[in-house]
Protein backbone atom coordinates (compact mmCIF):
# COMPACT_ATOMS: atom_id res chain seq x y z
CA UNK A 1 -40.42 -69.77 25.65
CA UNK A 2 -37.18 -70.11 23.73
CA UNK A 3 -37.22 -70.33 19.95
CA UNK A 4 -34.95 -72.18 17.57
CA UNK A 5 -33.53 -70.64 14.43
CA UNK A 6 -31.01 -71.66 11.80
CA UNK A 7 -27.53 -70.15 11.78
CA UNK A 8 -25.97 -69.12 8.43
CA UNK A 9 -24.21 -72.50 8.21
CA UNK A 10 -27.52 -74.34 8.70
CA UNK A 11 -27.05 -75.37 12.32
CA UNK A 12 -29.91 -74.91 14.75
CA UNK A 13 -29.38 -72.46 17.56
CA UNK A 14 -31.71 -71.94 20.51
CA UNK A 15 -32.55 -68.29 21.20
CA UNK A 16 -33.03 -67.37 24.82
CA UNK A 17 -35.31 -64.74 26.32
CA UNK A 18 -32.48 -62.17 26.57
CA UNK A 19 -31.59 -62.51 22.87
CA UNK A 20 -35.23 -62.11 21.90
CA UNK A 21 -35.65 -59.05 24.15
CA UNK A 22 -32.53 -57.42 22.68
CA UNK A 23 -33.72 -58.00 19.13
CA UNK A 24 -37.15 -56.56 19.88
CA UNK A 25 -35.73 -53.68 21.91
CA UNK A 26 -32.88 -52.84 19.57
CA UNK A 27 -29.26 -52.19 20.59
CA UNK A 28 -28.03 -55.64 19.57
CA UNK A 29 -24.80 -54.30 18.05
CA UNK A 30 -24.06 -52.22 21.13
CA UNK A 31 -24.68 -55.22 23.36
CA UNK A 32 -22.38 -57.42 21.25
CA UNK A 33 -19.58 -54.83 21.48
CA UNK A 34 -20.05 -54.68 25.27
CA UNK A 35 -20.01 -58.46 25.53
CA UNK A 36 -16.89 -58.71 23.34
CA UNK A 37 -15.12 -56.15 25.51
CA UNK A 38 -15.92 -58.09 28.66
CA UNK A 39 -14.78 -61.43 27.24
CA UNK A 40 -11.57 -59.83 25.93
CA UNK A 41 -10.73 -58.07 29.22
CA UNK A 42 -12.69 -60.00 31.89
CA UNK A 43 -13.14 -56.64 33.61
CA UNK A 44 -16.29 -54.52 33.28
CA UNK A 45 -14.32 -51.47 34.42
CA UNK A 46 -12.39 -51.58 31.15
CA UNK A 47 -15.62 -51.52 29.14
CA UNK A 48 -17.06 -48.19 30.25
CA UNK A 49 -17.16 -46.80 26.70
CA UNK A 50 -19.10 -49.81 25.41
CA UNK A 51 -21.37 -49.74 28.47
CA UNK A 52 -22.15 -46.07 27.85
CA UNK A 53 -22.94 -46.75 24.16
CA UNK A 54 -25.32 -49.54 25.14
CA UNK A 55 -26.96 -47.39 27.85
CA UNK A 56 -27.48 -44.46 25.46
CA UNK A 57 -28.98 -46.73 22.82
CA UNK A 58 -31.31 -48.44 25.31
CA UNK A 59 -32.44 -45.16 26.89
CA UNK A 60 -33.08 -43.62 23.47
CA UNK A 61 -35.53 -46.44 22.74
CA UNK A 62 -36.95 -47.19 26.20
CA UNK A 63 -36.33 -44.24 28.50
CA UNK A 64 -33.94 -43.95 31.43
CA UNK A 65 -32.70 -47.03 33.21
CA UNK A 66 -33.35 -47.02 36.95
CA UNK A 67 -30.28 -46.29 39.03
CA UNK A 68 -29.21 -48.45 41.95
CA UNK A 69 -30.35 -45.74 44.37
CA UNK A 70 -33.79 -45.69 42.67
CA UNK A 71 -34.12 -49.43 43.30
CA UNK A 72 -33.04 -49.10 46.94
CA UNK A 73 -35.52 -46.27 47.56
CA UNK A 74 -38.34 -48.24 45.94
CA UNK A 75 -37.62 -51.23 48.19
CA UNK A 76 -37.69 -49.01 51.29
CA UNK A 77 -41.18 -47.66 50.61
């Protein structure tokens, strides 16, 4: 369920599940830098540094992210 919180200027803003998960899991700043890079460039390939920072932060807190090949192998079994 989404929650509503007040922004610094007093406006209400609805928080979605992703925002809540990021806050609980950490790495919010890294995610914001990655998002900013994408919106500035509109090309994920130009955001590899920010992607790596986010990945390292997430893995430090939650363990390794599954690779695409891991997902394919899991679906085959």
